[in-house]
Amino acid sequence: MTRSLTDDLGTVLDLPDAPTRVVSLVPSLTEAVAATAPGLLIGATDWCTHPTDLDVARVRGTKNPDLAAVRALSPDLVVANKEENRELDVRRLRESGVAVWVTDIETVPEALASMRRLITGPLALDAPTWLDEADELWGGPPPPVRDRVAVPIWRDPWMVVGPRTYTTDLLRRLGHDNPFAHGTARYPAVEITQVDADGVDEVWLPDEPYVFTEEDGPEAFTRTPARLVSGRLLTWYGPAMVQAHHELA
């Protein structure tokens, strides 16, 4: 038996009532599926590092998945994300008969809704405890802004998190204003003097996509305090949202 369901981008998919073979092309979605029903996952990208004991076939990266390897796994469903994955790869999989569910997430509420839609829809599962807890933690209105926090994601050239991003909305819901949450570029290139500036109260340096470390990153800032933060807590939607609230709030 099959069901017709609509993903986040409005694409209608004919999906099995109870999929048993799922491939994830997004680390966040991999962790979400594994935490909810680990037996469903048969494949994931090389960047899918959580859970740490995940033992599934690897299908290369989010931007360059091995489509032949994905097809060879004969999945009932592939889960992807509009930002993380290329439309070309999604289209090629669909043209070869593979069902691909695409999520579209730019805010914390969208993450919560998208995770619930995925889990209770195509995966045909009950909402997990971690999702209900995340809803409770993040479901209220944002608190008053108390400071301004910038989040670089690359150096040489320096790039920062900008507008219309999950991270910027997460910061806002922690009481932090992103000074680069304006303009058109979602991840704008900037000069270090724009970040290490009087208008920025703190800089958070994540360990992905650029791996900032104690020796590589904080030394660049002489005016604005900088600290290392888990990139997973800033950018991963799913079970990481619970940990993010406990550790960053």
C-alpha atoms as a PDB file:
ATOM      1  CA  MET A   1       0.000   0.000   0.000  1.00  0.00           C
ATOM      2  CA  THR A   2       1.133   3.547  -0.704  1.00  0.00           C
ATOM      3  CA  ARG A   3       0.182   7.017   0.482  1.00  0.00           C
ATOM      4  CA  SER A   4       0.373  10.375  -1.266  1.00  0.00           C
ATOM      5  CA  LEU A   5       2.159  12.902   0.972  1.00  0.00           C
ATOM      6  CA  THR A   6       3.515  16.402   0.352  1.00  0.00           C
ATOM      7  CA  ASP A   7       7.023  17.411   1.418  1.00  0.00           C
ATOM      8  CA  ASP A   8       8.167  20.860   2.613  1.00  0.00           C
ATOM      9  CA  LEU A   9       8.581  22.139  -0.963  1.00  0.00           C
ATOM     10  CA  GLY A  10       5.111  21.065  -2.051  1.00  0.00           C
ATOM     11  CA  THR A  11       6.161  17.974  -3.986  1.00  0.00           C
ATOM     12  CA  VAL A  12       3.634  15.139  -3.787  1.00  0.00           C
ATOM     13  CA  LEU A  13       5.243  11.735  -3.270  1.00  0.00           C
ATOM     14  CA  ASP A  14       3.756   8.256  -3.376  1.00  0.00           C
ATOM     15  CA  LEU A  15       5.307   6.519  -0.381  1.00  0.00           C
ATOM     16  CA  PRO A  16       4.955   3.113   1.280  1.00  0.00           C
ATOM     17  CA  ASP A  17       2.751   2.885   4.343  1.00  0.00           C
ATOM     18  CA  ALA A  18       5.686   1.812   6.498  1.00  0.00           C
ATOM     19  CA  PRO A  19       9.150   2.402   4.971  1.00  0.00           C
ATOM     20  CA  THR A  20      11.883   0.056   6.139  1.00  0.00           C
ATOM     21  CA  ARG A  21      14.875   1.331   4.150  1.00  0.00           C
ATOM     22  CA  VAL A  22      15.800   5.018   4.573  1.00  0.00           C
ATOM     23  CA  VAL A  23      18.867   6.880   3.311  1.00  0.00           C
ATOM     24  CA  SER A  24      19.646  10.305   4.796  1.00  0.00           C
ATOM     25  CA  LEU A  25      21.664  12.943   2.943  1.00  0.00           C
ATOM     26  CA  VAL A  26      21.692  15.401   5.875  1.00  0.00           C
ATOM     27  CA  PRO A  27      23.505  14.969   9.221  1.00  0.00           C
ATOM     28  CA  SER A  28      20.658  16.561  11.202  1.00  0.00           C
ATOM     29  CA  LEU A  29      18.072  14.300   9.601  1.00  0.00           C
ATOM     30  CA  THR A  30      20.297  11.271  10.113  1.00  0.00           C
ATOM     31  CA  GLU A  31      20.480  11.950  13.834  1.00  0.00           C
ATOM     32  CA  ALA A  32      16.716  12.579  13.999  1.00  0.00           C
ATOM     33  CA  VAL A  33      15.835   9.317  12.256  1.00  0.00           C
ATOM     34  CA  ALA A  34      18.426   7.326  14.205  1.00  0.00           C
ATOM     35  CA  ALA A  35      17.177   8.697  17.530  1.00  0.00           C
ATOM     36  CA  THR A  36      13.584   7.873  16.633  1.00  0.00           C
ATOM     37  CA  ALA A  37      13.819   4.546  14.789  1.00  0.00           C
ATOM     38  CA  PRO A  38      17.454   3.485  14.232  1.00  0.00           C
ATOM     39  CA  GLY A  39      16.496   0.324  12.378  1.00  0.00           C
ATOM     40  CA  LEU A  40      15.176   2.350   9.448  1.00  0.00           C
ATOM     41  CA  LEU A  41      18.515   3.858   8.380  1.00  0.00           C
ATOM     42  CA  ILE A  42      20.541   1.928   5.822  1.00  0.00           C
ATOM     43  CA  GLY A  43      22.659   4.769   4.432  1.00  0.00           C
ATOM     44  CA  ALA A  44      23.997   8.217   5.334  1.00  0.00           C
ATOM     45  CA  THR A  45      26.647  10.716   4.270  1.00  0.00           C
ATOM     46  CA  ASP A  46      30.244  10.756   5.434  1.00  0.00           C
ATOM     47  CA  TRP A  47      29.383  13.891   7.445  1.00  0.00           C
ATOM     48  CA  CYS A  48      26.698  12.129   9.478  1.00  0.00           C
ATOM     49  CA  THR A  49      28.641  11.861  12.738  1.00  0.00           C
ATOM     50  CA  HIS A  50      25.746  11.406  15.180  1.00  0.00           C
ATOM     51  CA  PRO A  51      24.954   9.066  16.715  1.00  0.00           C
ATOM     52  CA  THR A  52      28.644   8.255  17.046  1.00  0.00           C
ATOM     53  CA  ASP A  53      28.039   4.513  16.758  1.00  0.00           C
ATOM     54  CA  LEU A  54      25.988   4.755  13.542  1.00  0.00           C
ATOM     55  CA  ASP A  55      26.773   1.716  11.393  1.00  0.00           C
ATOM     56  CA  VAL A  56      25.282   2.178   7.927  1.00  0.00           C
ATOM     57  CA  ALA A  57      26.521   2.385   4.344  1.00  0.00           C
ATOM     58  CA  ARG A  58      28.165   5.714   3.521  1.00  0.00           C
ATOM     59  CA  VAL A  59      27.218   7.552   0.336  1.00  0.00           C
ATOM     60  CA  ARG A  60      29.808  10.359   0.262  1.00  0.00           C
ATOM     61  CA  GLY A  61      28.915  13.996   1.038  1.00  0.00           C
ATOM     62  CA  THR A  62      25.864  16.240   1.177  1.00  0.00           C
ATOM     63  CA  LYS A  63      26.898  18.251  -1.900  1.00  0.00           C
ATOM     64  CA  ASN A  64      28.320  15.316  -3.880  1.00  0.00           C
ATOM     65  CA  PRO A  65      26.419  12.164  -2.868  1.00  0.00           C
ATOM     66  CA  ASP A  66      27.236   8.958  -4.700  1.00  0.00           C
ATOM     67  CA  LEU A  67      23.897   8.564  -6.441  1.00  0.00           C
ATOM     68  CA  ALA A  68      24.776   5.097  -7.757  1.00  0.00           C
ATOM     69  CA  ALA A  69      25.513   3.981  -4.195  1.00  0.00           C
ATOM     70  CA  VAL A  70      22.205   5.429  -3.004  1.00  0.00           C
ATOM     71  CA  ARG A  71      20.278   3.600  -5.734  1.00  0.00           C
ATOM     72  CA  ALA A  72      22.141   0.353  -5.007  1.00  0.00           C
ATOM     73  CA  LEU A  73      20.769   0.418  -1.448  1.00  0.00           C
ATOM     74  CA  SER A  74      17.197   0.227  -2.850  1.00  0.00           C
ATOM     75  CA  PRO A  75      15.770   2.726  -0.362  1.00  0.00           C
ATOM     76  CA  ASP A  76      12.058   3.186   0.220  1.00  0.00           C
ATOM     77  CA  LEU A  77      12.826   6.818   0.993  1.00  0.00           C
ATOM     78  CA  VAL A  78      15.687   9.315   0.803  1.00  0.00           C
ATOM     79  CA  VAL A  79      15.519  12.365   3.082  1.00  0.00           C
ATOM     80  CA  ALA A  80      17.189  15.619   2.037  1.00  0.00           C
ATOM     81  CA  ASN A  81      17.192  19.363   2.707  1.00  0.00           C
ATOM     82  CA  LYS A  82      16.815  22.327   0.358  1.00  0.00           C
ATOM     83  CA  GLU A  83      19.896  24.128   1.701  1.00  0.00           C
ATOM     84  CA  GLU A  84      22.143  21.146   2.334  1.00  0.00           C
ATOM     85  CA  ASN A  85      21.557  19.203  -0.872  1.00  0.00           C
ATOM     86  CA  ARG A  86      21.615  20.126  -4.558  1.00  0.00           C
ATOM     87  CA  GLU A  87      18.341  20.218  -6.483  1.00  0.00           C
ATOM     88  CA  LEU A  88      20.146  18.410  -9.327  1.00  0.00           C
ATOM     89  CA  ASP A  89      20.894  15.384  -7.135  1.00  0.00           C
ATOM     90  CA  VAL A  90      17.319  15.278  -5.855  1.00  0.00           C
ATOM     91  CA  ARG A  91      15.989  15.443  -9.411  1.00  0.00           C
ATOM     92  CA  ARG A  92      18.301  12.717 -10.680  1.00  0.00           C
ATOM     93  CA  LEU A  93      17.272  10.378  -7.871  1.00  0.00           C
ATOM     94  CA  ARG A  94      13.603  11.035  -8.506  1.00  0.00           C
ATOM     95  CA  GLU A  95      14.028  10.510 -12.254  1.00  0.00           C
ATOM     96  CA  SER A  96      15.488   7.086 -11.504  1.00  0.00           C
ATOM     97  CA  GLY A  97      12.451   6.146  -9.420  1.00  0.00           C
ATOM     98  CA  VAL A  98      13.775   6.946  -5.923  1.00  0.00           C
ATOM     99  CA  ALA A  99      11.383   8.783  -3.576  1.00  0.00           C
ATOM    100  CA  VAL A 100      13.090  11.855  -2.067  1.00  0.00           C
ATOM    101  CA  TRP A 101      11.505  13.870   0.755  1.00  0.00           C
ATOM    102  CA  VAL A 102      12.950  17.408   0.900  1.00  0.00           C
ATOM    103  CA  THR A 103      12.819  19.515   4.064  1.00  0.00           C
ATOM    104  CA  ASP A 104      13.023  23.317   4.035  1.00  0.00           C
ATOM    105  CA  ILE A 105      14.150  24.909   7.311  1.00  0.00           C
ATOM    106  CA  GLU A 106      15.193  28.492   8.036  1.00  0.00           C
ATOM    107  CA  THR A 107      13.791  29.005  11.550  1.00  0.00           C
ATOM    108  CA  VAL A 108      13.396  27.096  14.789  1.00  0.00           C
ATOM    109  CA  PRO A 109       9.589  26.802  14.410  1.00  0.00           C
ATOM    110  CA  GLU A 110      10.070  25.537  10.864  1.00  0.00           C
ATOM    111  CA  ALA A 111      12.527  22.945  12.168  1.00  0.00           C
ATOM    112  CA  LEU A 112      10.058  21.696  14.771  1.00  0.00           C
ATOM    113  CA  ALA A 113       7.212  21.537  12.245  1.00  0.00           C
ATOM    114  CA  SER A 114       9.352  19.921   9.562  1.00  0.00           C
ATOM    115  CA  MET A 115      10.670  17.244  11.923  1.00  0.00           C
ATOM    116  CA  ARG A 116       7.141  16.404  13.069  1.00  0.00           C
ATOM    117  CA  ARG A 117       5.898  16.298   9.461  1.00  0.00           C
ATOM    118  CA  LEU A 118       8.723  13.958   8.427  1.00  0.00           C
ATOM    119  CA  ILE A 119       8.457  11.599  11.369  1.00  0.00           C
ATOM    120  CA  THR A 120       4.683  11.276  11.525  1.00  0.00           C
ATOM    121  CA  GLY A 121       4.218  11.464   7.746  1.00  0.00           C
ATOM    122  CA  PRO A 122       6.541   9.520   5.439  1.00  0.00           C
ATOM    123  CA  LEU A 123       8.265   7.644   8.281  1.00  0.00           C
ATOM    124  CA  ALA A 124       4.837   6.705   9.745  1.00  0.00           C
ATOM    125  CA  LEU A 125       6.070   6.923  13.349  1.00  0.00           C
ATOM    126  CA  ASP A 126       4.734   8.466  16.532  1.00  0.00           C
ATOM    127  CA  ALA A 127       6.302  11.769  17.555  1.00  0.00           C
ATOM    128  CA  PRO A 128       9.350  10.943  19.725  1.00  0.00           C
ATOM    129  CA  THR A 129      10.016  12.231  23.224  1.00  0.00           C
ATOM    130  CA  TRP A 130      12.930  14.388  22.058  1.00  0.00           C
ATOM    131  CA  LEU A 131      10.667  16.253  19.634  1.00  0.00           C
ATOM    132  CA  ASP A 132       8.028  16.940  22.277  1.00  0.00           C
ATOM    133  CA  GLU A 133      10.777  18.186  24.606  1.00  0.00           C
ATOM    134  CA  ALA A 134      12.221  20.420  21.877  1.00  0.00           C
ATOM    135  CA  ASP A 135       8.745  21.820  21.244  1.00  0.00           C
ATOM    136  CA  GLU A 136       8.385  22.667  24.920  1.00  0.00           C
ATOM    137  CA  LEU A 137      11.830  24.248  25.184  1.00  0.00           C
ATOM    138  CA  TRP A 138      11.679  26.335  22.020  1.00  0.00           C
ATOM    139  CA  GLY A 139       7.939  26.856  21.566  1.00  0.00           C
ATOM    140  CA  GLY A 140       7.573  30.102  23.492  1.00  0.00           C
ATOM    141  CA  PRO A 141       8.149  33.657  22.261  1.00  0.00           C
ATOM    142  CA  PRO A 142      11.746  34.894  21.942  1.00  0.00           C
ATOM    143  CA  PRO A 143      13.120  36.659  25.045  1.00  0.00           C
ATOM    144  CA  PRO A 144      14.232  40.291  24.964  1.00  0.00           C
ATOM    145  CA  VAL A 145      17.502  40.843  23.115  1.00  0.00           C
ATOM    146  CA  ARG A 146      20.350  41.292  25.570  1.00  0.00           C
ATOM    147  CA  ASP A 147      23.440  41.376  23.336  1.00  0.00           C
ATOM    148  CA  ARG A 148      24.798  40.976  19.809  1.00  0.00           C
ATOM    149  CA  VAL A 149      26.522  37.747  18.790  1.00  0.00           C
ATOM    150  CA  ALA A 150      28.279  37.072  15.479  1.00  0.00           C
ATOM    151  CA  VAL A 151      28.918  33.553  14.168  1.00  0.00           C
ATOM    152  CA  PRO A 152      31.722  33.168  11.609  1.00  0.00           C
ATOM    153  CA  ILE A 153      31.564  29.986   9.521  1.00  0.00           C
ATOM    154  CA  TRP A 154      34.809  30.462   7.538  1.00  0.00           C
ATOM    155  CA  ARG A 155      38.039  32.398   7.478  1.00  0.00           C
ATOM    156  CA  ASP A 156      40.328  33.531   4.645  1.00  0.00           C
ATOM    157  CA  PRO A 157      37.957  34.899   3.532  1.00  0.00           C
ATOM    158  CA  TRP A 158      35.893  35.501   6.631  1.00  0.00           C
ATOM    159  CA  MET A 159      32.227  34.572   6.241  1.00  0.00           C
ATOM    160  CA  VAL A 160      29.454  34.831   8.828  1.00  0.00           C
ATOM    161  CA  VAL A 161      25.932  33.567   9.395  1.00  0.00           C
ATOM    162  CA  GLY A 162      23.479  36.044   7.900  1.00  0.00           C
ATOM    163  CA  PRO A 163      19.708  36.502   7.440  1.00  0.00           C
ATOM    164  CA  ARG A 164      17.077  33.824   6.807  1.00  0.00           C
ATOM    165  CA  THR A 165      19.068  31.087   8.530  1.00  0.00           C
ATOM    166  CA  TYR A 166      18.205  28.597  11.236  1.00  0.00           C
ATOM    167  CA  THR A 167      21.222  29.751  13.262  1.00  0.00           C
ATOM    168  CA  THR A 168      20.172  33.398  13.263  1.00  0.00           C
ATOM    169  CA  ASP A 169      16.692  32.475  14.464  1.00  0.00           C
ATOM    170  CA  LEU A 170      18.128  30.172  17.120  1.00  0.00           C
ATOM    171  CA  LEU A 171      20.345  33.014  18.381  1.00  0.00           C
ATOM    172  CA  ARG A 172      17.325  35.306  18.566  1.00  0.00           C
ATOM    173  CA  ARG A 173      15.429  32.727  20.612  1.00  0.00           C
ATOM    174  CA  LEU A 174      18.360  32.651  23.029  1.00  0.00           C
ATOM    175  CA  GLY A 175      18.265  36.423  23.443  1.00  0.00           C
ATOM    176  CA  HIS A 176      21.088  37.256  21.022  1.00  0.00           C
ATOM    177  CA  ASP A 177      20.822  39.585  18.035  1.00  0.00           C
ATOM    178  CA  ASN A 178      22.911  38.706  14.992  1.00  0.00           C
ATOM    179  CA  PRO A 179      24.510  41.964  13.742  1.00  0.00           C
ATOM    180  CA  PHE A 180      24.746  40.431  10.257  1.00  0.00           C
ATOM    181  CA  ALA A 181      21.096  39.388  10.011  1.00  0.00           C
ATOM    182  CA  HIS A 182      20.391  41.956   7.310  1.00  0.00           C
ATOM    183  CA  GLY A 183      20.945  42.241   3.588  1.00  0.00           C
ATOM    184  CA  THR A 184      20.461  39.554   0.964  1.00  0.00           C
ATOM    185  CA  ALA A 185      23.363  37.118   1.410  1.00  0.00           C
ATOM    186  CA  ARG A 186      22.587  34.329   3.854  1.00  0.00           C
ATOM    187  CA  TYR A 187      26.304  33.765   4.525  1.00  0.00           C
ATOM    188  CA  PRO A 188      28.015  37.045   3.609  1.00  0.00           C
ATOM    189  CA  ALA A 189      31.743  37.568   3.234  1.00  0.00           C
ATOM    190  CA  VAL A 190      33.017  40.235   5.649  1.00  0.00           C
ATOM    191  CA  GLU A 191      36.196  41.903   6.783  1.00  0.00           C
ATOM    192  CA  ILE A 192      37.540  40.815  10.154  1.00  0.00           C
ATOM    193  CA  THR A 193      37.226  44.440  11.299  1.00  0.00           C
ATOM    194  CA  GLN A 194      33.447  44.189  10.828  1.00  0.00           C
ATOM    195  CA  VAL A 195      33.306  41.258  13.254  1.00  0.00           C
ATOM    196  CA  ASP A 196      35.978  42.381  15.693  1.00  0.00           C
ATOM    197  CA  ALA A 197      34.111  45.624  16.280  1.00  0.00           C
ATOM    198  CA  ASP A 198      32.424  47.704  18.977  1.00  0.00           C
ATOM    199  CA  GLY A 199      28.986  46.752  17.653  1.00  0.00           C
ATOM    200  CA  VAL A 200      29.556  43.059  18.395  1.00  0.00           C
ATOM    201  CA  ASP A 201      29.437  41.858  22.010  1.00  0.00           C
ATOM    202  CA  GLU A 202      30.689  38.330  21.449  1.00  0.00           C
ATOM    203  CA  VAL A 203      31.853  36.032  18.663  1.00  0.00           C
ATOM    204  CA  TRP A 204      30.911  32.350  18.654  1.00  0.00           C
ATOM    205  CA  LEU A 205      33.295  30.158  16.663  1.00  0.00           C
ATOM    206  CA  PRO A 206      31.770  26.798  15.676  1.00  0.00           C
ATOM    207  CA  ASP A 207      33.672  23.680  14.641  1.00  0.00           C
ATOM    208  CA  GLU A 208      31.820  23.334  11.333  1.00  0.00           C
ATOM    209  CA  PRO A 209      31.960  23.927   8.444  1.00  0.00           C
ATOM    210  CA  TYR A 210      35.293  25.575   9.253  1.00  0.00           C
ATOM    211  CA  VAL A 211      36.946  23.848  12.192  1.00  0.00           C
ATOM    212  CA  PHE A 212      37.791  26.698  14.541  1.00  0.00           C
ATOM    213  CA  THR A 213      40.056  25.626  17.424  1.00  0.00           C
ATOM    214  CA  GLU A 214      41.826  27.242  20.369  1.00  0.00           C
ATOM    215  CA  GLU A 215      44.824  27.831  18.087  1.00  0.00           C
ATOM    216  CA  ASP A 216      42.862  28.806  14.977  1.00  0.00           C
ATOM    217  CA  GLY A 217      40.251  31.525  15.390  1.00  0.00           C
ATOM    218  CA  PRO A 218      40.182  33.266  18.787  1.00  0.00           C
ATOM    219  CA  GLU A 219      43.586  34.890  18.224  1.00  0.00           C
ATOM    220  CA  ALA A 220      42.112  36.918  15.340  1.00  0.00           C
ATOM    221  CA  PHE A 221      39.937  38.940  17.723  1.00  0.00           C
ATOM    222  CA  THR A 222      41.502  41.673  19.797  1.00  0.00           C
ATOM    223  CA  ARG A 223      38.433  43.767  20.582  1.00  0.00           C
ATOM    224  CA  THR A 224      35.493  41.341  20.762  1.00  0.00           C
ATOM    225  CA  PRO A 225      35.523  38.310  23.100  1.00  0.00           C
ATOM    226  CA  ALA A 226      35.469  35.048  21.150  1.00  0.00           C
ATOM    227  CA  ARG A 227      34.633  31.548  22.325  1.00  0.00           C
ATOM    228  CA  LEU A 228      34.384  28.119  20.751  1.00  0.00           C
ATOM    229  CA  VAL A 229      30.893  26.630  20.403  1.00  0.00           C
ATOM    230  CA  SER A 230      29.703  23.290  19.030  1.00  0.00           C
ATOM    231  CA  GLY A 231      28.579  23.765  15.452  1.00  0.00           C
ATOM    232  CA  ARG A 232      26.114  20.931  15.916  1.00  0.00           C
ATOM    233  CA  LEU A 233      24.285  22.901  18.605  1.00  0.00           C
ATOM    234  CA  LEU A 234      24.089  25.985  16.397  1.00  0.00           C
ATOM    235  CA  THR A 235      23.069  24.390  13.110  1.00  0.00           C
ATOM    236  CA  TRP A 236      21.594  20.925  13.615  1.00  0.00           C
ATOM    237  CA  TYR A 237      17.826  20.622  13.917  1.00  0.00           C
ATOM    238  CA  GLY A 238      16.548  17.436  15.541  1.00  0.00           C
ATOM    239  CA  PRO A 239      17.641  15.943  18.888  1.00  0.00           C
ATOM    240  CA  ALA A 240      20.490  18.477  19.015  1.00  0.00           C
ATOM    241  CA  MET A 241      17.859  21.155  19.640  1.00  0.00           C
ATOM    242  CA  VAL A 242      17.261  19.813  23.136  1.00  0.00           C
ATOM    243  CA  GLN A 243      20.977  19.839  23.983  1.00  0.00           C
ATOM    244  CA  ALA A 244      21.381  23.260  22.361  1.00  0.00           C
ATOM    245  CA  HIS A 245      18.786  24.814  24.641  1.00  0.00           C
ATOM    246  CA  HIS A 246      20.270  23.227  27.766  1.00  0.00           C
ATOM    247  CA  GLU A 247      23.833  24.312  26.945  1.00  0.00           C
ATOM    248  CA  LEU A 248      23.363  27.651  25.176  1.00  0.00           C
ATOM    249  CA  ALA A 249      20.301  29.206  26.819  1.00  0.00           C
END
